[in-house]
PDB file of N, CA and C in Angstrom:
ATOM      1  N   MET A   1       3.131   8.383  21.478  1.00  0.00           N
ATOM      2  CA  MET A   1       3.674   7.742  20.295  1.00  0.00           C
ATOM      3  C   MET A   1       2.515   7.207  19.463  1.00  0.00           C
ATOM      4  N   MET A   2       2.582   7.431  18.163  1.00  0.00           N
ATOM      5  CA  MET A   2       1.618   6.880  17.225  1.00  0.00           C
ATOM      6  C   MET A   2       2.236   5.639  16.598  1.00  0.00           C
ATOM      7  N   LYS A   3       1.391   4.707  16.178  1.00  0.00           N
ATOM      8  CA  LYS A   3       1.890   3.488  15.542  1.00  0.00           C
ATOM      9  C   LYS A   3       1.070   3.185  14.301  1.00  0.00           C
ATOM     10  N   ILE A   4       1.770   2.785  13.247  1.00  0.00           N
ATOM     11  CA  ILE A   4       1.060   2.241  12.097  1.00  0.00           C
ATOM     12  C   ILE A   4       1.205   0.728  12.164  1.00  0.00           C
ATOM     13  N   HIS A   5       0.199   0.032  11.666  1.00  0.00           N
ATOM     14  CA  HIS A   5       0.179  -1.422  11.712  1.00  0.00           C
ATOM     15  C   HIS A   5      -0.009  -1.968  10.302  1.00  0.00           C
ATOM     16  N   LEU A   6       0.750  -2.971   9.970  1.00  0.00           N
ATOM     17  CA  LEU A   6       0.526  -3.756   8.766  1.00  0.00           C
ATOM     18  C   LEU A   6       0.362  -5.180   9.270  1.00  0.00           C
ATOM     19  N   SER A   7      -0.834  -5.710   9.148  1.00  0.00           N
ATOM     20  CA  SER A   7      -1.165  -6.978   9.783  1.00  0.00           C
ATOM     21  C   SER A   7      -1.535  -8.049   8.781  1.00  0.00           C
ATOM     22  N   LYS A   8      -1.100  -9.255   9.095  1.00  0.00           N
ATOM     23  CA  LYS A   8      -1.435 -10.454   8.319  1.00  0.00           C
ATOM     24  C   LYS A   8      -1.057 -10.316   6.842  1.00  0.00           C
ATOM     25  N   LEU A   9       0.126  -9.731   6.611  1.00  0.00           N
ATOM     26  CA  LEU A   9       0.638  -9.655   5.246  1.00  0.00           C
ATOM     27  C   LEU A   9       1.042 -11.061   4.812  1.00  0.00           C
ATOM     28  N   CYS A  10       0.609 -11.477   3.649  1.00  0.00           N
ATOM     29  CA  CYS A  10       0.873 -12.837   3.170  1.00  0.00           C
ATOM     30  C   CYS A  10       1.875 -12.815   2.025  1.00  0.00           C
ATOM     31  N   PHE A  11       2.897 -13.643   2.156  1.00  0.00           N
ATOM     32  CA  PHE A  11       3.923 -13.758   1.128  1.00  0.00           C
ATOM     33  C   PHE A  11       4.238 -15.228   0.899  1.00  0.00           C
ATOM     34  N   PHE A  12       4.608 -15.560  -0.317  1.00  0.00           N
ATOM     35  CA  PHE A  12       5.124 -16.881  -0.626  1.00  0.00           C
ATOM     36  C   PHE A  12       6.606 -16.707  -0.862  1.00  0.00           C
ATOM     37  N   GLY A  13       7.402 -17.581  -0.230  1.00  0.00           N
ATOM     38  CA  GLY A  13       8.842 -17.445  -0.379  1.00  0.00           C
ATOM     39  C   GLY A  13       9.560 -18.759  -0.173  1.00  0.00           C
ATOM     40  N   PHE A  14      10.855 -18.713  -0.404  1.00  0.00           N
ATOM     41  CA  PHE A  14      11.690 -19.912  -0.340  1.00  0.00           C
ATOM     42  C   PHE A  14      12.684 -19.798   0.814  1.00  0.00           C
ATOM     43  N   HIS A  15      12.178 -19.419   1.973  1.00  0.00           N
ATOM     44  CA  HIS A  15      13.000 -19.239   3.158  1.00  0.00           C
ATOM     45  C   HIS A  15      13.048 -20.538   3.948  1.00  0.00           C
ATOM     46  N   GLY A  16      14.208 -20.859   4.456  1.00  0.00           N
ATOM     47  CA  GLY A  16      14.347 -22.045   5.290  1.00  0.00           C
ATOM     48  C   GLY A  16      15.715 -22.669   5.142  1.00  0.00           C
ATOM     49  N   ILE A  17      16.016 -23.563   6.081  1.00  0.00           N
ATOM     50  CA  ILE A  17      17.328 -24.210   6.072  1.00  0.00           C
ATOM     51  C   ILE A  17      17.288 -25.576   5.386  1.00  0.00           C
ATOM     52  N   TYR A  18      16.096 -26.098   5.125  1.00  0.00           N
ATOM     53  CA  TYR A  18      15.989 -27.427   4.527  1.00  0.00           C
ATOM     54  C   TYR A  18      15.828 -27.335   3.011  1.00  0.00           C
ATOM     55  N   ASP A  19      16.407 -28.306   2.311  1.00  0.00           N
ATOM     56  CA  ASP A  19      16.329 -28.333   0.849  1.00  0.00           C
ATOM     57  C   ASP A  19      14.885 -28.256   0.375  1.00  0.00           C
ATOM     58  N   GLU A  20      13.988 -28.971   1.041  1.00  0.00           N
ATOM     59  CA  GLU A  20      12.570 -28.986   0.667  1.00  0.00           C
ATOM     60  C   GLU A  20      11.971 -27.576   0.701  1.00  0.00           C
ATOM     61  N   GLU A  21      12.322 -26.809   1.701  1.00  0.00           N
ATOM     62  CA  GLU A  21      11.800 -25.443   1.829  1.00  0.00           C
ATOM     63  C   GLU A  21      12.318 -24.544   0.712  1.00  0.00           C
ATOM     64  N   ARG A  22      13.574 -24.715   0.377  1.00  0.00           N
ATOM     65  CA  ARG A  22      14.172 -23.886  -0.672  1.00  0.00           C
ATOM     66  C   ARG A  22      13.692 -24.297  -2.054  1.00  0.00           C
ATOM     67  N   LEU A  23      13.206 -25.526  -2.191  1.00  0.00           N
ATOM     68  CA  LEU A  23      12.698 -26.018  -3.468  1.00  0.00           C
ATOM     69  C   LEU A  23      11.210 -25.748  -3.632  1.00  0.00           C
ATOM     70  N   LEU A  24      10.408 -26.080  -2.621  1.00  0.00           N
ATOM     71  CA  LEU A  24       8.953 -25.983  -2.717  1.00  0.00           C
ATOM     72  C   LEU A  24       8.388 -24.647  -2.243  1.00  0.00           C
ATOM     73  N   GLY A  25       9.080 -23.976  -1.358  1.00  0.00           N
ATOM     74  CA  GLY A  25       8.593 -22.716  -0.820  1.00  0.00           C
ATOM     75  C   GLY A  25       7.541 -22.910   0.256  1.00  0.00           C
ATOM     76  N   ASN A  26       7.051 -21.803   0.777  1.00  0.00           N
ATOM     77  CA  ASN A  26       6.086 -21.838   1.864  1.00  0.00           C
ATOM     78  C   ASN A  26       5.371 -20.493   1.921  1.00  0.00           C
ATOM     79  N   ASP A  27       4.259 -20.481   2.634  1.00  0.00           N
ATOM     80  CA  ASP A  27       3.541 -19.237   2.892  1.00  0.00           C
ATOM     81  C   ASP A  27       4.032 -18.655   4.213  1.00  0.00           C
ATOM     82  N   PHE A  28       4.131 -17.324   4.244  1.00  0.00           N
ATOM     83  CA  PHE A  28       4.585 -16.611   5.424  1.00  0.00           C
ATOM     84  C   PHE A  28       3.604 -15.491   5.742  1.00  0.00           C
ATOM     85  N   GLU A  29       3.423 -15.254   7.036  1.00  0.00           N
ATOM     86  CA  GLU A  29       2.584 -14.146   7.474  1.00  0.00           C
ATOM     87  C   GLU A  29       3.452 -13.173   8.259  1.00  0.00           C
ATOM     88  N   VAL A  30       3.381 -11.899   7.879  1.00  0.00           N
ATOM     89  CA  VAL A  30       4.204 -10.862   8.502  1.00  0.00           C
ATOM     90  C   VAL A  30       3.290  -9.825   9.148  1.00  0.00           C
ATOM     91  N   ASN A  31       3.625  -9.456  10.373  1.00  0.00           N
ATOM     92  CA  ASN A  31       2.931  -8.392  11.099  1.00  0.00           C
ATOM     93  C   ASN A  31       3.970  -7.367  11.537  1.00  0.00           C
ATOM     94  N   ILE A  32       3.669  -6.098  11.292  1.00  0.00           N
ATOM     95  CA  ILE A  32       4.618  -5.037  11.608  1.00  0.00           C
ATOM     96  C   ILE A  32       3.901  -3.892  12.305  1.00  0.00           C
ATOM     97  N   GLU A  33       4.575  -3.342  13.289  1.00  0.00           N
ATOM     98  CA  GLU A  33       4.112  -2.141  13.977  1.00  0.00           C
ATOM     99  C   GLU A  33       5.282  -1.172  13.976  1.00  0.00           C
ATOM    100  N   VAL A  34       5.041   0.041  13.496  1.00  0.00           N
ATOM    101  CA  VAL A  34       6.085   1.062  13.467  1.00  0.00           C
ATOM    102  C   VAL A  34       5.624   2.234  14.329  1.00  0.00           C
ATOM    103  N   GLY A  35       6.391   2.524  15.381  1.00  0.00           N
ATOM    104  CA  GLY A  35       6.070   3.623  16.282  1.00  0.00           C
ATOM    105  C   GLY A  35       6.850   4.871  15.930  1.00  0.00           C
ATOM    106  N   PHE A  36       6.180   6.018  16.052  1.00  0.00           N
ATOM    107  CA  PHE A  36       6.821   7.290  15.727  1.00  0.00           C
ATOM    108  C   PHE A  36       6.086   8.421  16.427  1.00  0.00           C
ATOM    109  N   THR A  37       6.744   9.547  16.537  1.00  0.00           N
ATOM    110  CA  THR A  37       6.122  10.765  17.017  1.00  0.00           C
ATOM    111  C   THR A  37       5.779  11.603  15.789  1.00  0.00           C
ATOM    112  N   PRO A  38       4.498  11.852  15.553  1.00  0.00           N
ATOM    113  CA  PRO A  38       4.118  12.615  14.350  1.00  0.00           C
ATOM    114  C   PRO A  38       4.811  13.976  14.306  1.00  0.00           C
ATOM    115  N   ALA A  39       5.094  14.421  13.106  1.00  0.00           N
ATOM    116  CA  ALA A  39       5.750  15.718  12.927  1.00  0.00           C
ATOM    117  C   ALA A  39       4.857  16.854  13.419  1.00  0.00           C
ATOM    118  N   SER A  40       3.545  16.677  13.342  1.00  0.00           N
ATOM    119  CA  SER A  40       2.612  17.672  13.852  1.00  0.00           C
ATOM    120  C   SER A  40       1.289  16.991  14.177  1.00  0.00           C
ATOM    121  N   LEU A  41       0.532  17.641  15.063  1.00  0.00           N
ATOM    122  CA  LEU A  41      -0.790  17.126  15.431  1.00  0.00           C
ATOM    123  C   LEU A  41      -1.821  18.211  15.174  1.00  0.00           C
ATOM    124  N   PRO A  42      -2.953  17.889  14.629  1.00  0.00           N
ATOM    125  CA  PRO A  42      -3.293  16.564  14.129  1.00  0.00           C
ATOM    126  C   PRO A  42      -2.496  16.243  12.869  1.00  0.00           C
ATOM    127  N   VAL A  43      -2.397  14.964  12.570  1.00  0.00           N
ATOM    128  CA  VAL A  43      -1.699  14.528  11.361  1.00  0.00           C
ATOM    129  C   VAL A  43      -2.624  14.795  10.171  1.00  0.00           C
ATOM    130  N   LEU A  44      -2.209  15.707   9.312  1.00  0.00           N
ATOM    131  CA  LEU A  44      -3.042  16.104   8.177  1.00  0.00           C
ATOM    132  C   LEU A  44      -2.416  15.790   6.823  1.00  0.00           C
ATOM    133  N   HIS A  45      -1.108  15.503   6.826  1.00  0.00           N
ATOM    134  CA  HIS A  45      -0.405  15.288   5.565  1.00  0.00           C
ATOM    135  C   HIS A  45       0.447  14.028   5.662  1.00  0.00           C
ATOM    136  N   ILE A  46       0.610  13.351   4.544  1.00  0.00           N
ATOM    137  CA  ILE A  46       1.381  12.102   4.516  1.00  0.00           C
ATOM    138  C   ILE A  46       2.825  12.348   4.952  1.00  0.00           C
ATOM    139  N   LYS A  47       3.347  13.536   4.720  1.00  0.00           N
ATOM    140  CA  LYS A  47       4.737  13.830   5.119  1.00  0.00           C
ATOM    141  C   LYS A  47       4.905  13.868   6.643  1.00  0.00           C
ATOM    142  N   ASP A  48       3.796  13.953   7.368  1.00  0.00           N
ATOM    143  CA  ASP A  48       3.836  14.012   8.828  1.00  0.00           C
ATOM    144  C   ASP A  48       3.667  12.642   9.477  1.00  0.00           C
ATOM    145  N   THR A  49       3.676  11.603   8.663  1.00  0.00           N
ATOM    146  CA  THR A  49       3.492  10.251   9.170  1.00  0.00           C
ATOM    147  C   THR A  49       4.406   9.309   8.392  1.00  0.00           C
ATOM    148  N   ILE A  50       4.213   8.023   8.576  1.00  0.00           N
ATOM    149  CA  ILE A  50       4.965   7.007   7.831  1.00  0.00           C
ATOM    150  C   ILE A  50       4.007   6.354   6.869  1.00  0.00           C
ATOM    151  N   ASN A  51       4.340   6.396   5.604  1.00  0.00           N
ATOM    152  CA  ASN A  51       3.469   5.857   4.563  1.00  0.00           C
ATOM    153  C   ASN A  51       3.519   4.331   4.598  1.00  0.00           C
ATOM    154  N   TYR A  52       2.400   3.721   4.976  1.00  0.00           N
ATOM    155  CA  TYR A  52       2.376   2.264   5.096  1.00  0.00           C
ATOM    156  C   TYR A  52       2.526   1.563   3.759  1.00  0.00           C
ATOM    157  N   VAL A  53       2.207   2.244   2.656  1.00  0.00           N
ATOM    158  CA  VAL A  53       2.426   1.643   1.327  1.00  0.00           C
ATOM    159  C   VAL A  53       3.923   1.468   1.084  1.00  0.00           C
ATOM    160  N   ASP A  54       4.709   2.462   1.472  1.00  0.00           N
ATOM    161  CA  ASP A  54       6.157   2.370   1.323  1.00  0.00           C
ATOM    162  C   ASP A  54       6.739   1.280   2.225  1.00  0.00           C
ATOM    163  N   VAL A  55       6.198   1.146   3.438  1.00  0.00           N
ATOM    164  CA  VAL A  55       6.643   0.077   4.335  1.00  0.00           C
ATOM    165  C   VAL A  55       6.326  -1.278   3.705  1.00  0.00           C
ATOM    166  N   TYR A  56       5.121  -1.414   3.168  1.00  0.00           N
ATOM    167  CA  TYR A  56       4.727  -2.673   2.534  1.00  0.00           C
ATOM    168  C   TYR A  56       5.666  -3.024   1.380  1.00  0.00           C
ATOM    169  N   GLU A  57       5.993  -2.060   0.544  1.00  0.00           N
ATOM    170  CA  GLU A  57       6.877  -2.324  -0.596  1.00  0.00           C
ATOM    171  C   GLU A  57       8.266  -2.772  -0.130  1.00  0.00           C
ATOM    172  N   LEU A  58       8.765  -2.175   0.944  1.00  0.00           N
ATOM    173  CA  LEU A  58      10.051  -2.577   1.508  1.00  0.00           C
ATOM    174  C   LEU A  58       9.993  -4.035   1.969  1.00  0.00           C
ATOM    175  N   VAL A  59       8.937  -4.385   2.696  1.00  0.00           N
ATOM    176  CA  VAL A  59       8.777  -5.752   3.203  1.00  0.00           C
ATOM    177  C   VAL A  59       8.628  -6.735   2.047  1.00  0.00           C
ATOM    178  N   LYS A  60       7.802  -6.395   1.085  1.00  0.00           N
ATOM    179  CA  LYS A  60       7.572  -7.261  -0.081  1.00  0.00           C
ATOM    180  C   LYS A  60       8.885  -7.561  -0.813  1.00  0.00           C
ATOM    181  N   LYS A  61       9.690  -6.536  -1.016  1.00  0.00           N
ATOM    182  CA  LYS A  61      10.968  -6.724  -1.707  1.00  0.00           C
ATOM    183  C   LYS A  61      11.884  -7.657  -0.915  1.00  0.00           C
ATOM    184  N   ARG A  62      11.987  -7.438   0.396  1.00  0.00           N
ATOM    185  CA  ARG A  62      12.888  -8.279   1.211  1.00  0.00           C
ATOM    186  C   ARG A  62      12.384  -9.711   1.318  1.00  0.00           C
ATOM    187  N   MET A  63      11.076  -9.891   1.388  1.00  0.00           N
ATOM    188  CA  MET A  63      10.512 -11.238   1.491  1.00  0.00           C
ATOM    189  C   MET A  63      10.699 -12.040   0.202  1.00  0.00           C
ATOM    190  N   SER A  64      11.023 -11.376  -0.881  1.00  0.00           N
ATOM    191  CA  SER A  64      11.223 -12.083  -2.155  1.00  0.00           C
ATOM    192  C   SER A  64      12.625 -12.663  -2.292  1.00  0.00           C
ATOM    193  N   THR A  65      13.519 -12.345  -1.359  1.00  0.00           N
ATOM    194  CA  THR A  65      14.886 -12.864  -1.407  1.00  0.00           C
ATOM    195  C   THR A  65      15.013 -14.063  -0.464  1.00  0.00           C
ATOM    196  N   PRO A  66      15.243 -15.268  -1.010  1.00  0.00           N
ATOM    197  CA  PRO A  66      15.360 -16.457  -0.151  1.00  0.00           C
ATOM    198  C   PRO A  66      16.420 -16.272   0.929  1.00  0.00           C
ATOM    199  N   THR A  67      16.044 -16.664   2.135  1.00  0.00           N
ATOM    200  CA  THR A  67      16.902 -16.478   3.307  1.00  0.00           C
ATOM    201  C   THR A  67      16.753 -17.695   4.214  1.00  0.00           C
ATOM    202  N   PRO A  68      17.841 -18.285   4.683  1.00  0.00           N
ATOM    203  CA  PRO A  68      17.715 -19.490   5.510  1.00  0.00           C
ATOM    204  C   PRO A  68      16.939 -19.288   6.811  1.00  0.00           C
ATOM    205  N   LEU A  69      17.139 -18.164   7.507  1.00  0.00           N
ATOM    206  CA  LEU A  69      16.551 -17.997   8.832  1.00  0.00           C
ATOM    207  C   LEU A  69      15.540 -16.853   8.879  1.00  0.00           C
ATOM    208  N   LEU A  70      14.408 -17.111   9.534  1.00  0.00           N
ATOM    209  CA  LEU A  70      13.415 -16.062   9.744  1.00  0.00           C
ATOM    210  C   LEU A  70      13.984 -14.941  10.612  1.00  0.00           C
ATOM    211  N   GLU A  71      14.883 -15.297  11.514  1.00  0.00           N
ATOM    212  CA  GLU A  71      15.524 -14.304  12.368  1.00  0.00           C
ATOM    213  C   GLU A  71      16.265 -13.260  11.525  1.00  0.00           C
ATOM    214  N   THR A  72      16.918 -13.715  10.464  1.00  0.00           N
ATOM    215  CA  THR A  72      17.625 -12.799   9.568  1.00  0.00           C
ATOM    216  C   THR A  72      16.643 -11.873   8.863  1.00  0.00           C
ATOM    217  N   LEU A  73      15.552 -12.444   8.363  1.00  0.00           N
ATOM    218  CA  LEU A  73      14.533 -11.630   7.702  1.00  0.00           C
ATOM    219  C   LEU A  73      13.994 -10.558   8.639  1.00  0.00           C
ATOM    220  N   ALA A  74      13.646 -10.952   9.863  1.00  0.00           N
ATOM    221  CA  ALA A  74      13.053 -10.010  10.814  1.00  0.00           C
ATOM    222  C   ALA A  74      14.010  -8.871  11.146  1.00  0.00           C
ATOM    223  N   THR A  75      15.268  -9.191  11.408  1.00  0.00           N
ATOM    224  CA  THR A  75      16.224  -8.140  11.769  1.00  0.00           C
ATOM    225  C   THR A  75      16.542  -7.246  10.571  1.00  0.00           C
ATOM    226  N   ASP A  76      16.643  -7.831   9.381  1.00  0.00           N
ATOM    227  CA  ASP A  76      16.898  -7.039   8.176  1.00  0.00           C
ATOM    228  C   ASP A  76      15.763  -6.055   7.907  1.00  0.00           C
ATOM    229  N   ILE A  77      14.528  -6.528   8.002  1.00  0.00           N
ATOM    230  CA  ILE A  77      13.374  -5.672   7.716  1.00  0.00           C
ATOM    231  C   ILE A  77      13.270  -4.554   8.747  1.00  0.00           C
ATOM    232  N   ALA A  78      13.404  -4.884  10.020  1.00  0.00           N
ATOM    233  CA  ALA A  78      13.327  -3.854  11.066  1.00  0.00           C
ATOM    234  C   ALA A  78      14.410  -2.797  10.871  1.00  0.00           C
ATOM    235  N   SER A  79      15.619  -3.225  10.588  1.00  0.00           N
ATOM    236  CA  SER A  79      16.727  -2.282  10.373  1.00  0.00           C
ATOM    237  C   SER A  79      16.477  -1.406   9.152  1.00  0.00           C
ATOM    238  N   ALA A  80      15.959  -2.003   8.087  1.00  0.00           N
ATOM    239  CA  ALA A  80      15.689  -1.249   6.862  1.00  0.00           C
ATOM    240  C   ALA A  80      14.598  -0.200   7.078  1.00  0.00           C
ATOM    241  N   ILE A  81      13.593  -0.527   7.871  1.00  0.00           N
ATOM    242  CA  ILE A  81      12.531   0.449   8.160  1.00  0.00           C
ATOM    243  C   ILE A  81      13.107   1.642   8.911  1.00  0.00           C
ATOM    244  N   LEU A  82      13.915   1.389   9.931  1.00  0.00           N
ATOM    245  CA  LEU A  82      14.520   2.498  10.659  1.00  0.00           C
ATOM    246  C   LEU A  82      15.445   3.321   9.762  1.00  0.00           C
ATOM    247  N   ALA A  83      16.130   2.662   8.847  1.00  0.00           N
ATOM    248  CA  ALA A  83      17.045   3.373   7.954  1.00  0.00           C
ATOM    249  C   ALA A  83      16.293   4.226   6.938  1.00  0.00           C
ATOM    250  N   GLN A  84      15.167   3.731   6.440  1.00  0.00           N
ATOM    251  CA  GLN A  84      14.440   4.427   5.374  1.00  0.00           C
ATOM    252  C   GLN A  84      13.503   5.517   5.888  1.00  0.00           C
ATOM    253  N   PHE A  85      12.978   5.357   7.087  1.00  0.00           N
ATOM    254  CA  PHE A  85      11.974   6.287   7.593  1.00  0.00           C
ATOM    255  C   PHE A  85      12.519   7.026   8.816  1.00  0.00           C
ATOM    256  N   SER A  86      12.892   8.272   8.618  1.00  0.00           N
ATOM    257  CA  SER A  86      13.528   9.031   9.694  1.00  0.00           C
ATOM    258  C   SER A  86      12.596   9.270  10.882  1.00  0.00           C
ATOM    259  N   LEU A  87      11.284   9.279  10.666  1.00  0.00           N
ATOM    260  CA  LEU A  87      10.346   9.442  11.777  1.00  0.00           C
ATOM    261  C   LEU A  87      10.244   8.197  12.651  1.00  0.00           C
ATOM    262  N   ALA A  88      10.558   7.036  12.092  1.00  0.00           N
ATOM    263  CA  ALA A  88      10.390   5.771  12.818  1.00  0.00           C
ATOM    264  C   ALA A  88      11.302   5.726  14.037  1.00  0.00           C
ATOM    265  N   GLU A  89      10.713   5.386  15.172  1.00  0.00           N
ATOM    266  CA  GLU A  89      11.472   5.269  16.420  1.00  0.00           C
ATOM    267  C   GLU A  89      11.558   3.826  16.897  1.00  0.00           C
ATOM    268  N   GLN A  90      10.603   3.005  16.479  1.00  0.00           N
ATOM    269  CA  GLN A  90      10.512   1.634  16.978  1.00  0.00           C
ATOM    270  C   GLN A  90       9.832   0.770  15.919  1.00  0.00           C
ATOM    271  N   VAL A  91      10.338  -0.443  15.772  1.00  0.00           N
ATOM    272  CA  VAL A  91       9.712  -1.422  14.874  1.00  0.00           C
ATOM    273  C   VAL A  91       9.529  -2.721  15.640  1.00  0.00           C
ATOM    274  N   ILE A  92       8.333  -3.260  15.555  1.00  0.00           N
ATOM    275  CA  ILE A  92       8.052  -4.591  16.084  1.00  0.00           C
ATOM    276  C   ILE A  92       7.568  -5.415  14.912  1.00  0.00           C
ATOM    277  N   ILE A  93       8.213  -6.553  14.694  1.00  0.00           N
ATOM    278  CA  ILE A  93       7.875  -7.393  13.557  1.00  0.00           C
ATOM    279  C   ILE A  93       7.748  -8.842  14.002  1.00  0.00           C
ATOM    280  N   SER A  94       6.804  -9.536  13.413  1.00  0.00           N
ATOM    281  CA  SER A  94       6.731 -10.990  13.584  1.00  0.00           C
ATOM    282  C   SER A  94       6.581 -11.608  12.206  1.00  0.00           C
ATOM    283  N   ILE A  95       7.229 -12.743  12.035  1.00  0.00           N
ATOM    284  CA  ILE A  95       7.132 -13.505  10.784  1.00  0.00           C
ATOM    285  C   ILE A  95       6.815 -14.946  11.150  1.00  0.00           C
ATOM    286  N   ASP A  96       5.717 -15.450  10.613  1.00  0.00           N
ATOM    287  CA  ASP A  96       5.308 -16.828  10.852  1.00  0.00           C
ATOM    288  C   ASP A  96       5.422 -17.651   9.586  1.00  0.00           C
ATOM    289  N   LYS A  97       5.910 -18.869   9.742  1.00  0.00           N
ATOM    290  CA  LYS A  97       5.943 -19.847   8.655  1.00  0.00           C
ATOM    291  C   LYS A  97       4.642 -20.634   8.771  1.00  0.00           C
ATOM    292  N   VAL A  98       3.798 -20.552   7.756  1.00  0.00           N
ATOM    293  CA  VAL A  98       2.445 -21.094   7.844  1.00  0.00           C
ATOM    294  C   VAL A  98       2.436 -22.628   7.862  1.00  0.00           C
ATOM    295  N   ARG A  99       3.257 -23.255   7.041  1.00  0.00           N
ATOM    296  CA  ARG A  99       3.290 -24.724   6.991  1.00  0.00           C
ATOM    297  C   ARG A  99       4.726 -25.209   7.199  1.00  0.00           C
ATOM    298  N   PRO A 100       5.190 -25.238   8.439  1.00  0.00           N
ATOM    299  CA  PRO A 100       6.576 -25.667   8.677  1.00  0.00           C
ATOM    300  C   PRO A 100       6.748 -27.145   8.318  1.00  0.00           C
ATOM    301  N   PRO A 101       7.948 -27.516   7.864  1.00  0.00           N
ATOM    302  CA  PRO A 101       8.194 -28.897   7.449  1.00  0.00           C
ATOM    303  C   PRO A 101       8.452 -29.824   8.639  1.00  0.00           C
ATOM    304  N   ILE A 102       7.451 -29.909   9.510  1.00  0.00           N
ATOM    305  CA  ILE A 102       7.546 -30.764  10.696  1.00  0.00           C
ATOM    306  C   ILE A 102       6.387 -31.751  10.622  1.00  0.00           C
ATOM    307  N   GLU A 103       6.697 -33.012  10.633  1.00  0.00           N
ATOM    308  CA  GLU A 103       5.673 -34.044  10.498  1.00  0.00           C
ATOM    309  C   GLU A 103       4.612 -33.916  11.581  1.00  0.00           C
ATOM    310  N   GLN A 104       3.365 -33.952  11.176  1.00  0.00           N
ATOM    311  CA  GLN A 104       2.176 -33.900  12.031  1.00  0.00           C
ATOM    312  C   GLN A 104       2.092 -32.622  12.866  1.00  0.00           C
ATOM    313  N   PHE A 105       2.728 -31.574  12.436  1.00  0.00           N
ATOM    314  CA  PHE A 105       2.677 -30.288  13.147  1.00  0.00           C
ATOM    315  C   PHE A 105       1.412 -29.551  12.753  1.00  0.00           C
ATOM    316  N   LYS A 106       0.705 -29.029  13.723  1.00  0.00           N
ATOM    317  CA  LYS A 106      -0.475 -28.204  13.464  1.00  0.00           C
ATOM    318  C   LYS A 106      -0.247 -26.853  14.120  1.00  0.00           C
ATOM    319  N   GLY A 107      -0.457 -25.801  13.373  1.00  0.00           N
ATOM    320  CA  GLY A 107      -0.242 -24.454  13.879  1.00  0.00           C
ATOM    321  C   GLY A 107       0.769 -23.724  13.021  1.00  0.00           C
ATOM    322  N   GLN A 108       1.261 -22.642  13.531  1.00  0.00           N
ATOM    323  CA  GLN A 108       2.272 -21.854  12.852  1.00  0.00           C
ATOM    324  C   GLN A 108       3.429 -21.655  13.815  1.00  0.00           C
ATOM    325  N   LEU A 109       4.586 -21.381  13.254  1.00  0.00           N
ATOM    326  CA  LEU A 109       5.723 -21.027  14.092  1.00  0.00           C
ATOM    327  C   LEU A 109       6.419 -19.847  13.467  1.00  0.00           C
ATOM    328  N   GLY A 110       7.171 -19.150  14.268  1.00  0.00           N
ATOM    329  CA  GLY A 110       7.825 -17.972  13.727  1.00  0.00           C
ATOM    330  C   GLY A 110       8.702 -17.273  14.731  1.00  0.00           C
ATOM    331  N   VAL A 111       9.064 -16.048  14.378  1.00  0.00           N
ATOM    332  CA  VAL A 111       9.925 -15.226  15.219  1.00  0.00           C
ATOM    333  C   VAL A 111       9.315 -13.839  15.353  1.00  0.00           C
ATOM    334  N   SER A 112       9.709 -13.151  16.404  1.00  0.00           N
ATOM    335  CA  SER A 112       9.352 -11.739  16.531  1.00  0.00           C
ATOM    336  C   SER A 112      10.602 -10.985  16.981  1.00  0.00           C
ATOM    337  N   PHE A 113      10.615  -9.708  16.653  1.00  0.00           N
ATOM    338  CA  PHE A 113      11.791  -8.884  16.938  1.00  0.00           C
ATOM    339  C   PHE A 113      11.341  -7.448  17.145  1.00  0.00           C
ATOM    340  N   GLU A 114      11.963  -6.784  18.093  1.00  0.00           N
ATOM    341  CA  GLU A 114      11.690  -5.380  18.355  1.00  0.00           C
ATOM    342  C   GLU A 114      13.003  -4.613  18.266  1.00  0.00           C
ATOM    343  N   LEU A 115      12.975  -3.513  17.547  1.00  0.00           N
ATOM    344  CA  LEU A 115      14.175  -2.687  17.385  1.00  0.00           C
ATOM    345  C   LEU A 115      13.808  -1.227  17.615  1.00  0.00           C
ATOM    346  N   LYS A 116      14.596  -0.551  18.440  1.00  0.00           N
ATOM    347  CA  LYS A 116      14.378   0.873  18.706  1.00  0.00           C
ATOM    348  C   LYS A 116      15.557   1.665  18.172  1.00  0.00           C
ATOM    349  N   ARG A 117      15.243   2.855  17.701  1.00  0.00           N
ATOM    350  CA  ARG A 117      16.290   3.747  17.213  1.00  0.00           C
ATOM    351  C   ARG A 117      17.139   4.190  18.402  1.00  0.00           C
ATOM    352  N   ASN A 118      18.426   4.210  18.220  1.00  0.00           N
ATOM    353  CA  ASN A 118      19.332   4.686  19.291  1.00  0.00           C
ATOM    354  C   ASN A 118      19.245   6.194  19.399  1.00  0.00           C
ATOM    355  N   GLY A 119      19.088   6.638  20.614  1.00  0.00           N
ATOM    356  CA  GLY A 119      19.186   7.940  21.016  1.00  0.00           C
ATOM    357  C   GLY A 119      18.631   9.136  20.518  1.00  0.00           C
TER     358      GLY A 119
END
């Protein structure tokens, strides 16, 4: 299985369950791995792989829609990748909230999700 990686993608968005998050927004970091079996080896043409630019545009569009839960974002993005890219067999995604609204919190928090194509 081959995998493409999109790492440390940075987005600003208004995701969260608290009024402050929906008003002020936050920075988010997204990491995605998409596994697939190339149409041919060696991979010589873009049609034989998954175009990471197209994956990025899909993620960028979804991250621009305010959503209360990171879990919803992660599952929506993973499902959309499998739906849009017929070669995709597996998606692993993580989304971190860079500055969570927790007093004296240092670090990042987030969710990760793995989705495999059925059968």
